[in-house]
Amino acid sequence: MPAIPAIQSYSTFNFPLNAYTKTCEASESRPVKSLLAIVKEKYIRDLNINLADQKEYQLNGRLTEIYSEIIGSQELLTYHTGWDDENAQPTDFPTFAKAINFLVEYSNYICDSFLYKLQTPFINIMGDGSVYIQWNDERAAFTIIFKKSDRRLSYYFREEKETQLTTKGAIINDKPLDTYLASWFKDFLALPL
C-alpha cells in the first residue's frame, strides 16, 4: 500500500473515494474502513444546529456557509408584530423550523449523494409571518415559501436563466425529500466539492 501523504486540512484531501482500504486478515473481527471514512471521522465534523433550544439538526461539516446563514437567520424568531414599522406579523417556530428542515435535508442529501455543495441561500421573513429561502445566481433562481398559515404545503418558484424556463410547484412538508428537485438543485445551484 502506498504511503498516504500528511493531511493539512480536509479541504486539501483529493483522493478518489475509497481509494485506499485496509485488507483484514481472516482472524480480525473489526470492520474495514475506507480512508475517506477515517478522514471524515477525524477532520470533517458534522455541524450541530440548535434552533431556539427546541429542535436540533446536524449539517454536513463541509457546509459551513449554510450553517452560518442558518445561525444568523434565527434572529427572525425575535421579530414582533409591526417589525416593518407597519403591520407585519412575526413568524412562529414551526414555520421557521419547516424552512430550516428543508434546507438541512436538501443540503446534506446533495453533499452526501452527489459530492456537491449547495450554494448559500438567503433566509428571510415575509409580512404575513411566512419564511422564505431564496437562491439567485447566473444559472438559476429558486424561491420557496413556508407559509405560516399552511402547515401542509410549501410553494416554490424556479427559473433556469439560460432557457428562461420557469416552474411553479409545491412540496408536501414532512414527506421524504424529492430526489428530482434535489437533482435540479445539484445541476443549477450547487458546485462540486
C-alpha atoms as a PDB file:
ATOM      1  CA  MET A   1       0.000   0.000   0.000  1.00  0.00           C
ATOM      2  CA  PRO A   2       1.479   3.383  -0.942  1.00  0.00           C
ATOM      3  CA  ALA A   3       2.203   5.895   1.776  1.00  0.00           C
ATOM      4  CA  ILE A   4      -0.592   8.331   2.496  1.00  0.00           C
ATOM      5  CA  PRO A   5       0.553  11.975   2.421  1.00  0.00           C
ATOM      6  CA  ALA A   6       0.048  14.114   5.515  1.00  0.00           C
ATOM      7  CA  ILE A   7      -3.285  15.891   5.512  1.00  0.00           C
ATOM      8  CA  GLN A   8      -3.149  19.598   6.324  1.00  0.00           C
ATOM      9  CA  SER A   9      -6.913  20.120   6.354  1.00  0.00           C
ATOM     10  CA  TYR A  10      -9.930  18.350   4.946  1.00  0.00           C
ATOM     11  CA  SER A  11     -10.167  20.854   2.088  1.00  0.00           C
ATOM     12  CA  THR A  12      -6.837  19.627   0.656  1.00  0.00           C
ATOM     13  CA  PHE A  13      -7.893  15.977   0.651  1.00  0.00           C
ATOM     14  CA  ASN A  14      -8.135  14.958  -3.007  1.00  0.00           C
ATOM     15  CA  PHE A  15      -8.034  11.168  -3.122  1.00  0.00           C
ATOM     16  CA  PRO A  16     -10.741   9.300  -5.058  1.00  0.00           C
ATOM     17  CA  LEU A  17     -13.454   7.860  -2.848  1.00  0.00           C
ATOM     18  CA  ASN A  18     -12.448   4.599  -1.157  1.00  0.00           C
ATOM     19  CA  ALA A  19      -9.082   4.626  -2.983  1.00  0.00           C
ATOM     20  CA  TYR A  20      -7.263   3.020  -0.072  1.00  0.00           C
ATOM     21  CA  THR A  21      -8.747   0.371   2.168  1.00  0.00           C
ATOM     22  CA  LYS A  22      -7.074  -1.841   4.694  1.00  0.00           C
ATOM     23  CA  THR A  23      -7.147  -5.557   3.997  1.00  0.00           C
ATOM     24  CA  CYS A  24      -8.128  -7.506   7.097  1.00  0.00           C
ATOM     25  CA  GLU A  25      -6.764 -10.885   7.965  1.00  0.00           C
ATOM     26  CA  ALA A  26      -9.407 -13.551   8.500  1.00  0.00           C
ATOM     27  CA  SER A  27      -8.662 -13.542  12.241  1.00  0.00           C
ATOM     28  CA  GLU A  28      -9.515  -9.847  12.646  1.00  0.00           C
ATOM     29  CA  SER A  29     -13.060  -9.161  13.777  1.00  0.00           C
ATOM     30  CA  ARG A  30     -13.223  -5.372  13.415  1.00  0.00           C
ATOM     31  CA  PRO A  31     -14.807  -3.858  10.298  1.00  0.00           C
ATOM     32  CA  VAL A  32     -12.728  -2.426   7.456  1.00  0.00           C
ATOM     33  CA  LYS A  33     -12.965   1.359   6.993  1.00  0.00           C
ATOM     34  CA  SER A  34     -12.123   3.295   3.877  1.00  0.00           C
ATOM     35  CA  LEU A  35      -9.632   6.129   4.115  1.00  0.00           C
ATOM     36  CA  LEU A  36     -12.446   8.556   3.328  1.00  0.00           C
ATOM     37  CA  ALA A  37     -14.450   7.321   6.337  1.00  0.00           C
ATOM     38  CA  ILE A  38     -11.419   7.663   8.611  1.00  0.00           C
ATOM     39  CA  VAL A  39     -10.647  11.190   7.385  1.00  0.00           C
ATOM     40  CA  LYS A  40     -14.293  12.244   7.690  1.00  0.00           C
ATOM     41  CA  GLU A  41     -14.410  10.970  11.289  1.00  0.00           C
ATOM     42  CA  LYS A  42     -11.233  12.821  12.195  1.00  0.00           C
ATOM     43  CA  TYR A  43     -11.414  16.058  10.199  1.00  0.00           C
ATOM     44  CA  ILE A  44     -14.942  16.704   8.962  1.00  0.00           C
ATOM     45  CA  ARG A  45     -17.237  17.096  11.909  1.00  0.00           C
ATOM     46  CA  ASP A  46     -20.961  17.490  11.496  1.00  0.00           C
ATOM     47  CA  LEU A  47     -22.210  20.926  12.464  1.00  0.00           C
ATOM     48  CA  ASN A  48     -24.850  20.850  15.179  1.00  0.00           C
ATOM     49  CA  ILE A  49     -27.664  23.362  14.923  1.00  0.00           C
ATOM     50  CA  ASN A  50     -29.832  24.001  17.960  1.00  0.00           C
ATOM     51  CA  LEU A  51     -32.864  26.114  16.994  1.00  0.00           C
ATOM     52  CA  ALA A  52     -34.121  28.191  19.891  1.00  0.00           C
ATOM     53  CA  ASP A  53     -33.347  25.294  22.248  1.00  0.00           C
ATOM     54  CA  GLN A  54     -36.311  23.420  20.740  1.00  0.00           C
ATOM     55  CA  LYS A  55     -35.016  21.372  17.803  1.00  0.00           C
ATOM     56  CA  GLU A  56     -31.613  20.043  16.773  1.00  0.00           C
ATOM     57  CA  TYR A  57     -30.223  19.351  13.308  1.00  0.00           C
ATOM     58  CA  GLN A  58     -26.927  18.006  12.015  1.00  0.00           C
ATOM     59  CA  LEU A  59     -25.422  19.562   8.908  1.00  0.00           C
ATOM     60  CA  ASN A  60     -22.514  18.071   6.966  1.00  0.00           C
ATOM     61  CA  GLY A  61     -19.273  19.688   8.145  1.00  0.00           C
ATOM     62  CA  ARG A  62     -18.432  20.874   4.621  1.00  0.00           C
ATOM     63  CA  LEU A  63     -21.437  23.215   4.593  1.00  0.00           C
ATOM     64  CA  THR A  64     -20.095  25.938   6.859  1.00  0.00           C
ATOM     65  CA  GLU A  65     -21.572  28.857   4.872  1.00  0.00           C
ATOM     66  CA  ILE A  66     -25.075  27.366   5.044  1.00  0.00           C
ATOM     67  CA  TYR A  67     -24.527  26.737   8.755  1.00  0.00           C
ATOM     68  CA  SER A  68     -23.651  30.420   9.258  1.00  0.00           C
ATOM     69  CA  GLU A  69     -26.755  31.542   7.355  1.00  0.00           C
ATOM     70  CA  ILE A  70     -28.991  29.303   9.490  1.00  0.00           C
ATOM     71  CA  ILE A  71     -27.434  30.518  12.740  1.00  0.00           C
ATOM     72  CA  GLY A  72     -27.792  34.159  11.671  1.00  0.00           C
ATOM     73  CA  SER A  73     -31.382  33.706  10.489  1.00  0.00           C
ATOM     74  CA  GLN A  74     -32.543  32.669  13.966  1.00  0.00           C
ATOM     75  CA  GLU A  75     -32.860  36.387  14.651  1.00  0.00           C
ATOM     76  CA  LEU A  76     -36.103  36.213  12.634  1.00  0.00           C
ATOM     77  CA  LEU A  77     -37.664  34.404  15.603  1.00  0.00           C
ATOM     78  CA  THR A  78     -37.265  37.573  17.713  1.00  0.00           C
ATOM     79  CA  TYR A  79     -39.335  39.813  15.406  1.00  0.00           C
ATOM     80  CA  HIS A  80     -42.578  41.157  16.885  1.00  0.00           C
ATOM     81  CA  THR A  81     -45.808  42.411  15.291  1.00  0.00           C
ATOM     82  CA  GLY A  82     -45.026  45.546  13.302  1.00  0.00           C
ATOM     83  CA  TRP A  83     -41.359  44.657  12.741  1.00  0.00           C
ATOM     84  CA  ASP A  84     -41.526  46.546   9.410  1.00  0.00           C
ATOM     85  CA  ASP A  85     -42.959  49.682  11.101  1.00  0.00           C
ATOM     86  CA  GLU A  86     -46.372  48.769   9.711  1.00  0.00           C
ATOM     87  CA  ASN A  87     -48.483  45.672  10.427  1.00  0.00           C
ATOM     88  CA  ALA A  88     -46.063  42.865   9.527  1.00  0.00           C
ATOM     89  CA  GLN A  89     -46.608  39.682  11.503  1.00  0.00           C
ATOM     90  CA  PRO A  90     -43.863  37.727  13.255  1.00  0.00           C
ATOM     91  CA  THR A  91     -43.129  34.175  12.248  1.00  0.00           C
ATOM     92  CA  ASP A  92     -43.511  31.255  14.641  1.00  0.00           C
ATOM     93  CA  PHE A  93     -41.171  28.426  15.495  1.00  0.00           C
ATOM     94  CA  PRO A  94     -42.978  25.666  13.484  1.00  0.00           C
ATOM     95  CA  THR A  95     -42.852  27.772  10.291  1.00  0.00           C
ATOM     96  CA  PHE A  96     -39.188  28.637  10.779  1.00  0.00           C
ATOM     97  CA  ALA A  97     -38.326  25.010  11.625  1.00  0.00           C
ATOM     98  CA  LYS A  98     -40.003  23.796   8.386  1.00  0.00           C
ATOM     99  CA  ALA A  99     -37.745  26.097   6.376  1.00  0.00           C
ATOM    100  CA  ILE A 100     -34.585  25.033   8.203  1.00  0.00           C
ATOM    101  CA  ASN A 101     -35.538  21.355   7.940  1.00  0.00           C
ATOM    102  CA  PHE A 102     -35.886  21.739   4.144  1.00  0.00           C
ATOM    103  CA  LEU A 103     -32.517  23.482   3.847  1.00  0.00           C
ATOM    104  CA  VAL A 104     -30.667  20.980   6.052  1.00  0.00           C
ATOM    105  CA  GLU A 105     -32.265  17.945   4.401  1.00  0.00           C
ATOM    106  CA  TYR A 106     -31.552  19.027   0.814  1.00  0.00           C
ATOM    107  CA  SER A 107     -28.065  20.386   1.609  1.00  0.00           C
ATOM    108  CA  ASN A 108     -26.999  17.158   3.328  1.00  0.00           C
ATOM    109  CA  TYR A 109     -28.505  14.972   0.586  1.00  0.00           C
ATOM    110  CA  ILE A 110     -26.770  16.880  -2.232  1.00  0.00           C
ATOM    111  CA  CYS A 111     -23.446  16.871  -0.375  1.00  0.00           C
ATOM    112  CA  ASP A 112     -23.578  13.206   0.631  1.00  0.00           C
ATOM    113  CA  SER A 113     -25.138  11.780  -2.559  1.00  0.00           C
ATOM    114  CA  PHE A 114     -23.512  13.850  -5.303  1.00  0.00           C
ATOM    115  CA  LEU A 115     -20.447  15.357  -3.575  1.00  0.00           C
ATOM    116  CA  TYR A 116     -21.754  18.807  -4.463  1.00  0.00           C
ATOM    117  CA  LYS A 117     -22.158  21.813  -2.202  1.00  0.00           C
ATOM    118  CA  LEU A 118     -25.426  23.732  -2.402  1.00  0.00           C
ATOM    119  CA  GLN A 119     -24.823  27.462  -2.681  1.00  0.00           C
ATOM    120  CA  THR A 120     -25.659  29.547   0.357  1.00  0.00           C
ATOM    121  CA  PRO A 121     -29.217  30.898   0.196  1.00  0.00           C
ATOM    122  CA  PHE A 122     -30.845  33.934   1.739  1.00  0.00           C
ATOM    123  CA  ILE A 123     -33.357  33.210   4.536  1.00  0.00           C
ATOM    124  CA  ASN A 124     -35.904  35.871   5.421  1.00  0.00           C
ATOM    125  CA  ILE A 125     -39.432  36.580   6.654  1.00  0.00           C
ATOM    126  CA  MET A 126     -42.450  37.948   4.768  1.00  0.00           C
ATOM    127  CA  GLY A 127     -45.050  40.428   6.040  1.00  0.00           C
ATOM    128  CA  ASP A 128     -47.543  37.668   6.848  1.00  0.00           C
ATOM    129  CA  GLY A 129     -45.032  35.765   9.003  1.00  0.00           C
ATOM    130  CA  SER A 130     -44.127  33.228   6.313  1.00  0.00           C
ATOM    131  CA  VAL A 131     -40.450  32.308   5.919  1.00  0.00           C
ATOM    132  CA  TYR A 132     -38.761  32.101   2.536  1.00  0.00           C
ATOM    133  CA  ILE A 133     -35.447  30.738   1.298  1.00  0.00           C
ATOM    134  CA  GLN A 134     -34.003  32.172  -1.894  1.00  0.00           C
ATOM    135  CA  TRP A 135     -31.118  31.345  -4.205  1.00  0.00           C
ATOM    136  CA  ASN A 136     -30.186  33.538  -7.173  1.00  0.00           C
ATOM    137  CA  ASP A 137     -27.126  33.241  -9.411  1.00  0.00           C
ATOM    138  CA  GLU A 138     -26.215  33.433 -13.094  1.00  0.00           C
ATOM    139  CA  ARG A 139     -27.617  29.952 -13.866  1.00  0.00           C
ATOM    140  CA  ALA A 140     -30.860  29.831 -11.910  1.00  0.00           C
ATOM    141  CA  ALA A 141     -33.133  31.302  -9.280  1.00  0.00           C
ATOM    142  CA  PHE A 142     -35.215  29.407  -6.724  1.00  0.00           C
ATOM    143  CA  THR A 143     -37.518  30.710  -4.015  1.00  0.00           C
ATOM    144  CA  ILE A 144     -39.519  28.539  -1.645  1.00  0.00           C
ATOM    145  CA  ILE A 145     -42.095  29.954   0.769  1.00  0.00           C
ATOM    146  CA  PHE A 146     -43.051  28.224   4.017  1.00  0.00           C
ATOM    147  CA  LYS A 147     -46.427  29.774   4.757  1.00  0.00           C
ATOM    148  CA  LYS A 148     -47.334  30.394   8.353  1.00  0.00           C
ATOM    149  CA  SER A 149     -50.978  29.694   7.506  1.00  0.00           C
ATOM    150  CA  ASP A 150     -50.366  26.408   5.618  1.00  0.00           C
ATOM    151  CA  ARG A 151     -48.528  23.703   7.555  1.00  0.00           C
ATOM    152  CA  ARG A 152     -49.010  21.034   4.867  1.00  0.00           C
ATOM    153  CA  LEU A 153     -47.574  22.608   1.690  1.00  0.00           C
ATOM    154  CA  SER A 154     -44.677  24.898   0.822  1.00  0.00           C
ATOM    155  CA  TYR A 155     -44.672  26.660  -2.535  1.00  0.00           C
ATOM    156  CA  TYR A 156     -41.734  27.315  -4.831  1.00  0.00           C
ATOM    157  CA  PHE A 157     -40.835  29.174  -7.986  1.00  0.00           C
ATOM    158  CA  ARG A 158     -37.748  28.312 -10.012  1.00  0.00           C
ATOM    159  CA  GLU A 159     -36.181  29.716 -13.148  1.00  0.00           C
ATOM    160  CA  GLU A 160     -33.449  28.362 -15.401  1.00  0.00           C
ATOM    161  CA  LYS A 161     -31.966  31.589 -16.727  1.00  0.00           C
ATOM    162  CA  GLU A 162     -30.343  30.331 -19.931  1.00  0.00           C
ATOM    163  CA  THR A 163     -33.577  28.793 -21.246  1.00  0.00           C
ATOM    164  CA  GLN A 164     -35.891  31.155 -19.327  1.00  0.00           C
ATOM    165  CA  LEU A 165     -37.842  28.072 -18.265  1.00  0.00           C
ATOM    166  CA  THR A 166     -39.911  28.809 -15.152  1.00  0.00           C
ATOM    167  CA  THR A 167     -41.734  26.364 -12.937  1.00  0.00           C
ATOM    168  CA  LYS A 168     -44.114  26.796 -10.021  1.00  0.00           C
ATOM    169  CA  GLY A 169     -44.707  23.929  -7.668  1.00  0.00           C
ATOM    170  CA  ALA A 170     -45.260  22.749  -4.140  1.00  0.00           C
ATOM    171  CA  ILE A 171     -43.754  20.228  -1.777  1.00  0.00           C
ATOM    172  CA  ILE A 172     -45.571  18.371   0.949  1.00  0.00           C
ATOM    173  CA  ASN A 173     -43.901  19.167   4.254  1.00  0.00           C
ATOM    174  CA  ASP A 174     -42.864  16.250   6.463  1.00  0.00           C
ATOM    175  CA  LYS A 175     -42.596  13.890   3.474  1.00  0.00           C
ATOM    176  CA  PRO A 176     -39.362  12.359   2.135  1.00  0.00           C
ATOM    177  CA  LEU A 177     -37.261  14.673   0.028  1.00  0.00           C
ATOM    178  CA  ASP A 178     -37.998  14.960  -3.691  1.00  0.00           C
ATOM    179  CA  THR A 179     -34.973  13.428  -5.443  1.00  0.00           C
ATOM    180  CA  TYR A 180     -35.894  15.133  -8.730  1.00  0.00           C
ATOM    181  CA  LEU A 181     -35.832  18.537  -7.029  1.00  0.00           C
ATOM    182  CA  ALA A 182     -32.532  17.633  -5.324  1.00  0.00           C
ATOM    183  CA  SER A 183     -31.048  16.754  -8.736  1.00  0.00           C
ATOM    184  CA  TRP A 184     -32.255  20.092 -10.108  1.00  0.00           C
ATOM    185  CA  PHE A 185     -30.519  21.861  -7.215  1.00  0.00           C
ATOM    186  CA  LYS A 186     -27.322  19.924  -7.979  1.00  0.00           C
ATOM    187  CA  ASP A 187     -27.476  20.855 -11.663  1.00  0.00           C
ATOM    188  CA  PHE A 188     -28.272  24.548 -11.213  1.00  0.00           C
ATOM    189  CA  LEU A 189     -27.452  25.801  -7.714  1.00  0.00           C
ATOM    190  CA  ALA A 190     -24.595  23.632  -6.466  1.00  0.00           C
ATOM    191  CA  LEU A 191     -20.885  23.297  -7.135  1.00  0.00           C
ATOM    192  CA  PRO A 192     -18.625  20.239  -6.944  1.00  0.00           C
ATOM    193  CA  LEU A 193     -16.769  19.809  -3.641  1.00  0.00           C
END
